[in-house]
N, C-alpha and C. Protein backbone atom coordinates (compact mmCIF):
# COMPACT_ATOMS: atom_id res chain seq x y z
N MET A 1 -33.35 148.02 -8.97
CA MET A 1 -32.62 147.47 -7.72
C MET A 1 -32.63 146.05 -7.76
N ARG A 2 -31.51 145.40 -7.48
CA ARG A 2 -31.32 143.84 -7.30
C ARG A 2 -30.97 143.65 -5.83
N ALA A 3 -31.64 142.58 -5.30
CA ALA A 3 -31.25 142.24 -3.99
C ALA A 3 -30.80 140.78 -3.86
N LEU A 4 -29.77 140.52 -3.24
CA LEU A 4 -29.26 139.18 -2.93
C LEU A 4 -29.23 138.61 -1.64
N LEU A 5 -29.75 137.65 -1.25
CA LEU A 5 -29.83 137.08 0.28
C LEU A 5 -29.04 135.63 0.11
N LEU A 6 -28.03 135.83 0.96
CA LEU A 6 -27.01 134.66 1.15
C LEU A 6 -27.09 134.24 2.57
N VAL A 7 -27.53 132.98 2.57
CA VAL A 7 -27.71 132.21 3.97
C VAL A 7 -26.60 131.17 4.23
N CYS A 8 -25.64 131.39 5.18
CA CYS A 8 -24.56 130.57 5.38
C CYS A 8 -24.96 129.89 6.69
N THR A 9 -25.04 128.48 6.75
CA THR A 9 -25.34 127.71 7.92
C THR A 9 -24.05 127.28 8.68
N SER A 10 -23.01 127.88 8.32
CA SER A 10 -21.71 127.67 9.10
C SER A 10 -21.17 129.27 9.09
N GLY A 11 -19.69 129.05 9.62
CA GLY A 11 -19.00 130.35 9.81
C GLY A 11 -18.50 130.73 8.47
N VAL A 12 -18.14 131.91 8.14
CA VAL A 12 -17.47 132.49 6.99
C VAL A 12 -16.04 132.89 7.12
N THR A 13 -15.05 132.46 6.46
CA THR A 13 -13.78 132.82 6.60
C THR A 13 -13.29 133.41 5.09
N ALA A 14 -13.06 134.76 5.08
CA ALA A 14 -12.51 135.23 3.81
C ALA A 14 -10.83 135.44 3.89
N SER A 15 -10.36 134.59 2.94
CA SER A 15 -8.87 134.60 3.09
C SER A 15 -8.36 135.53 1.82
N ALA A 16 -9.25 136.02 1.12
CA ALA A 16 -8.80 136.84 -0.09
C ALA A 16 -9.82 138.07 -0.16
N ASP A 17 -9.58 139.00 -0.98
CA ASP A 17 -10.49 140.08 -1.19
C ASP A 17 -11.91 139.69 -1.55
N LEU A 18 -13.02 140.42 -1.07
CA LEU A 18 -14.26 140.14 -1.43
C LEU A 18 -14.74 141.27 -2.30
N THR A 19 -15.39 141.06 -3.43
CA THR A 19 -15.85 142.08 -4.18
C THR A 19 -17.33 142.00 -4.43
N PHE A 20 -17.99 143.24 -4.24
CA PHE A 20 -19.45 143.40 -4.40
C PHE A 20 -19.41 144.24 -5.60
N ASP A 21 -20.15 143.83 -6.74
CA ASP A 21 -20.28 144.47 -8.05
C ASP A 21 -21.66 144.65 -8.22
N GLY A 22 -22.05 145.95 -8.48
CA GLY A 22 -23.66 146.19 -8.57
C GLY A 22 -23.73 147.65 -8.70
N ALA A 23 -25.04 148.00 -8.89
CA ALA A 23 -25.46 149.47 -9.05
C ALA A 23 -25.69 150.07 -7.69
N ALA A 24 -25.70 151.39 -7.75
CA ALA A 24 -25.68 152.16 -6.44
C ALA A 24 -26.96 151.70 -5.53
N ASN A 25 -27.95 151.11 -6.06
CA ASN A 25 -29.24 150.86 -5.40
C ASN A 25 -29.39 149.19 -5.20
N ASP A 26 -28.53 148.47 -5.53
CA ASP A 26 -28.35 147.00 -5.16
C ASP A 26 -28.18 146.86 -3.70
N VAL A 27 -28.68 145.78 -3.21
CA VAL A 27 -28.51 145.42 -1.77
C VAL A 27 -28.18 143.91 -1.62
N TRP A 28 -27.29 143.63 -0.72
CA TRP A 28 -26.96 142.45 -0.32
C TRP A 28 -27.05 142.18 1.16
N VAL A 29 -27.63 140.98 1.53
CA VAL A 29 -27.98 140.62 2.87
C VAL A 29 -27.26 139.38 3.08
N MET A 30 -26.55 139.14 4.11
CA MET A 30 -25.88 137.82 4.52
C MET A 30 -26.27 137.42 5.84
N GLN A 31 -26.63 136.04 6.01
CA GLN A 31 -27.18 135.78 7.37
C GLN A 31 -26.00 134.55 7.60
N ILE A 32 -25.19 134.80 8.61
CA ILE A 32 -24.06 133.96 8.95
C ILE A 32 -24.40 133.35 10.16
N SER A 33 -24.60 131.94 10.23
CA SER A 33 -25.07 131.23 11.37
C SER A 33 -24.04 131.13 12.60
N GLN A 34 -22.70 131.35 12.31
CA GLN A 34 -21.56 131.26 13.06
C GLN A 34 -20.68 132.56 13.07
N ASP A 35 -19.49 132.36 13.03
CA ASP A 35 -18.45 133.33 13.17
C ASP A 35 -18.12 133.91 11.62
N LEU A 36 -17.64 135.39 11.58
CA LEU A 36 -17.23 135.90 10.34
C LEU A 36 -15.85 136.37 10.64
N LEU A 37 -14.78 135.97 9.91
CA LEU A 37 -13.50 136.19 9.93
C LEU A 37 -12.84 136.74 8.54
N LEU A 38 -12.38 137.78 8.57
CA LEU A 38 -11.68 138.43 7.52
C LEU A 38 -10.16 138.38 7.90
N GLU A 39 -9.53 137.53 6.93
CA GLU A 39 -8.06 137.27 7.32
C GLU A 39 -7.28 138.57 7.08
N THR A 40 -5.91 138.33 7.45
CA THR A 40 -4.87 139.43 7.54
C THR A 40 -4.89 139.98 5.99
N GLY A 41 -4.90 141.21 5.97
CA GLY A 41 -4.89 141.91 4.60
C GLY A 41 -6.08 141.89 3.61
N GLY A 42 -6.94 141.26 4.15
CA GLY A 42 -8.09 140.99 3.29
C GLY A 42 -8.77 142.33 3.27
N GLU A 43 -9.66 142.55 2.09
CA GLU A 43 -10.38 143.76 2.00
C GLU A 43 -11.71 143.54 1.22
N VAL A 44 -12.72 144.29 1.59
CA VAL A 44 -13.85 144.37 0.88
C VAL A 44 -13.78 145.38 -0.32
N GLN A 45 -14.08 145.10 -1.60
CA GLN A 45 -13.99 145.94 -2.69
C GLN A 45 -15.33 146.41 -3.20
N LEU A 46 -15.59 147.46 -3.54
CA LEU A 46 -17.09 147.90 -3.97
C LEU A 46 -16.77 148.28 -5.51
N THR A 47 -17.62 147.78 -6.48
CA THR A 47 -17.37 148.26 -7.85
C THR A 47 -18.69 148.38 -8.41
N GLY A 48 -18.53 149.04 -9.57
CA GLY A 48 -19.93 149.38 -10.54
C GLY A 48 -20.80 150.20 -9.79
N GLY A 49 -20.54 150.99 -8.76
CA GLY A 49 -21.31 151.70 -8.05
C GLY A 49 -22.10 151.25 -6.81
N ALA A 50 -21.70 150.17 -6.38
CA ALA A 50 -21.90 149.56 -5.10
C ALA A 50 -21.82 150.23 -3.87
N LYS A 51 -22.68 150.48 -2.98
CA LYS A 51 -22.39 151.43 -1.86
C LYS A 51 -22.31 150.67 -0.50
N THR A 52 -21.51 151.04 0.25
CA THR A 52 -21.23 150.46 1.76
C THR A 52 -22.59 150.39 2.51
N GLU A 53 -23.32 151.23 2.46
CA GLU A 53 -24.60 151.26 3.31
C GLU A 53 -25.64 150.35 2.71
N ASN A 54 -25.21 149.59 1.56
CA ASN A 54 -26.28 148.59 1.04
C ASN A 54 -25.86 147.06 1.20
N ILE A 55 -24.85 146.94 1.98
CA ILE A 55 -24.28 145.71 2.44
C ILE A 55 -24.47 145.29 3.94
N PHE A 56 -25.31 144.48 4.02
CA PHE A 56 -25.84 143.98 5.58
C PHE A 56 -25.39 142.64 5.77
N ARG A 57 -24.79 142.44 7.10
CA ARG A 57 -24.37 141.08 7.58
C ARG A 57 -25.20 140.91 8.88
N GLN A 58 -25.81 139.70 8.92
CA GLN A 58 -26.24 139.37 10.39
C GLN A 58 -25.47 138.20 10.86
N VAL A 59 -24.62 138.34 11.94
CA VAL A 59 -23.64 137.24 12.30
C VAL A 59 -24.08 136.91 13.56
N SER A 60 -24.23 135.41 13.80
CA SER A 60 -24.71 135.09 15.05
C SER A 60 -23.44 134.63 15.99
N GLY A 61 -22.52 134.56 15.38
CA GLY A 61 -21.16 134.26 16.21
C GLY A 61 -20.37 135.69 16.22
N GLN A 62 -19.10 135.58 16.49
CA GLN A 62 -18.17 136.73 16.60
C GLN A 62 -17.58 137.07 15.13
N THR A 63 -17.53 138.41 15.01
CA THR A 63 -16.71 139.10 13.80
C THR A 63 -15.48 139.42 14.22
N THR A 64 -14.40 139.08 13.36
CA THR A 64 -13.20 139.25 13.61
C THR A 64 -12.45 139.80 12.49
N LEU A 65 -11.82 140.90 12.44
CA LEU A 65 -10.96 141.64 11.53
C LEU A 65 -9.54 141.42 11.81
N LEU A 66 -8.76 140.58 11.24
CA LEU A 66 -7.24 140.39 11.53
C LEU A 66 -6.60 141.58 11.00
N THR A 67 -5.18 141.68 11.38
CA THR A 67 -4.26 142.66 11.11
C THR A 67 -4.33 143.23 9.63
N HIS A 68 -4.43 144.37 9.50
CA HIS A 68 -4.68 145.21 8.18
C HIS A 68 -5.71 144.64 7.20
N SER A 69 -6.87 144.11 7.71
CA SER A 69 -7.83 143.88 6.97
C SER A 69 -8.96 145.07 6.98
N THR A 70 -9.63 145.18 5.95
CA THR A 70 -10.75 146.34 5.80
C THR A 70 -11.99 145.64 5.40
N LEU A 71 -13.16 146.20 6.32
CA LEU A 71 -14.40 145.59 6.09
C LEU A 71 -15.40 146.70 5.70
N LYS A 72 -16.26 146.53 4.84
CA LYS A 72 -17.27 147.65 4.62
C LYS A 72 -18.66 147.00 4.59
N GLY A 73 -19.68 148.06 5.12
CA GLY A 73 -21.08 147.46 5.07
C GLY A 73 -21.52 147.49 6.71
N ILE A 74 -22.72 147.04 6.87
CA ILE A 74 -23.28 147.12 8.17
C ILE A 74 -23.24 145.76 8.79
N VAL A 75 -22.84 145.54 9.95
CA VAL A 75 -22.72 144.20 10.63
C VAL A 75 -23.61 144.15 11.75
N LEU A 76 -24.74 143.44 11.89
CA LEU A 76 -25.67 143.10 13.07
C LEU A 76 -25.06 141.93 13.79
N ASN A 77 -24.45 142.01 14.91
CA ASN A 77 -23.63 141.06 15.44
C ASN A 77 -24.37 140.69 16.91
N LYS A 78 -24.41 139.32 16.98
CA LYS A 78 -25.03 138.78 18.22
C LYS A 78 -23.74 138.61 19.18
N ALA A 79 -22.56 138.44 18.90
CA ALA A 79 -21.59 138.01 19.95
C ALA A 79 -20.48 139.33 19.64
N GLN A 80 -19.21 139.00 20.02
CA GLN A 80 -18.12 139.89 20.21
C GLN A 80 -17.77 140.35 18.63
N ILE A 81 -17.31 141.62 18.35
CA ILE A 81 -16.64 142.05 17.40
C ILE A 81 -15.22 142.62 17.78
N VAL A 82 -14.30 141.68 17.09
CA VAL A 82 -12.79 142.03 17.35
C VAL A 82 -12.10 142.76 16.31
N MET A 83 -11.36 143.66 16.36
CA MET A 83 -10.54 144.41 15.40
C MET A 83 -8.97 144.39 16.01
N GLU A 84 -8.25 143.84 15.15
CA GLU A 84 -6.86 143.61 15.64
C GLU A 84 -6.05 144.79 14.98
N THR A 85 -5.02 145.07 15.53
CA THR A 85 -4.01 146.19 15.19
C THR A 85 -3.84 146.17 13.70
N GLY A 86 -4.23 147.62 13.31
CA GLY A 86 -4.13 148.02 11.85
C GLY A 86 -5.45 147.68 11.02
N ALA A 87 -6.39 146.91 11.66
CA ALA A 87 -7.47 146.49 10.88
C ALA A 87 -8.38 147.90 10.80
N SER A 88 -9.19 148.05 9.62
CA SER A 88 -10.04 149.35 9.55
C SER A 88 -11.30 148.68 9.07
N SER A 89 -12.25 149.83 9.22
CA SER A 89 -13.71 149.46 8.78
C SER A 89 -14.35 150.70 8.39
N THR A 90 -15.23 150.74 7.45
CA THR A 90 -16.12 151.57 7.10
C THR A 90 -17.59 151.08 7.32
N VAL A 91 -17.75 150.65 8.50
CA VAL A 91 -18.94 149.79 8.93
C VAL A 91 -19.75 150.31 10.07
N ALA A 92 -21.16 150.13 9.98
CA ALA A 92 -21.72 150.41 11.28
C ALA A 92 -21.97 149.25 12.03
N TYR A 93 -21.45 148.99 13.09
CA TYR A 93 -21.47 147.77 13.96
C TYR A 93 -22.55 147.90 14.89
N LEU A 94 -23.50 146.91 15.11
CA LEU A 94 -24.62 147.02 15.86
C LEU A 94 -24.58 145.69 16.80
N PRO A 95 -23.61 145.81 17.90
CA PRO A 95 -23.39 144.62 18.76
C PRO A 95 -24.40 144.60 19.84
N ARG A 96 -24.53 143.56 20.40
CA ARG A 96 -25.13 143.38 21.92
C ARG A 96 -24.39 144.43 22.79
N PRO A 97 -25.02 145.18 23.78
CA PRO A 97 -24.28 145.77 24.70
C PRO A 97 -23.02 145.09 25.29
N TRP A 98 -21.91 145.61 25.33
CA TRP A 98 -20.61 145.18 25.97
C TRP A 98 -20.03 143.95 25.22
N SER A 99 -20.22 143.85 23.96
CA SER A 99 -19.78 142.74 23.26
C SER A 99 -18.67 142.91 22.03
N HIS A 100 -18.05 144.26 22.23
CA HIS A 100 -17.09 144.52 21.17
C HIS A 100 -15.49 144.91 21.92
N SER A 101 -14.40 144.69 21.32
CA SER A 101 -13.33 144.98 21.77
C SER A 101 -12.33 145.32 20.64
N MET A 102 -11.23 145.97 20.96
CA MET A 102 -10.33 146.43 19.98
C MET A 102 -8.84 145.95 20.64
N ARG A 103 -7.93 145.15 19.94
CA ARG A 103 -6.74 144.55 20.36
C ARG A 103 -5.66 145.55 19.79
C-alpha cells in the first residue's frame, strides 16, 4: 500500500482531467484550504487499479462541479457543494448540514 498526502494552502482548480494511477490498495488524501473547482468537462480518471473509495478530499471552502464534469472519491466539505447541470459524481459527500445544492 502506498499513501499520498497532498496539502494545498490555497484553492484547487482542475481545468483538465485528473488521473490517479496506483494499485487497488493505494490511498490519496488531499487537504484543500479553500475551494475545489472542477472545470467544465473535467473528469477524474482512475488507472492501474486505483479505487474511488481510496481518494479523500478535505475541502475547507466550497466544492463546485461545473457542467459535464465528473468527480470520483470522497469529499469532506466544510462549505457548500454545488453541481451544475450535467455534472456527475461517484462520490460520497459529507457536507455540513444544509450546505449542498444542485443547479
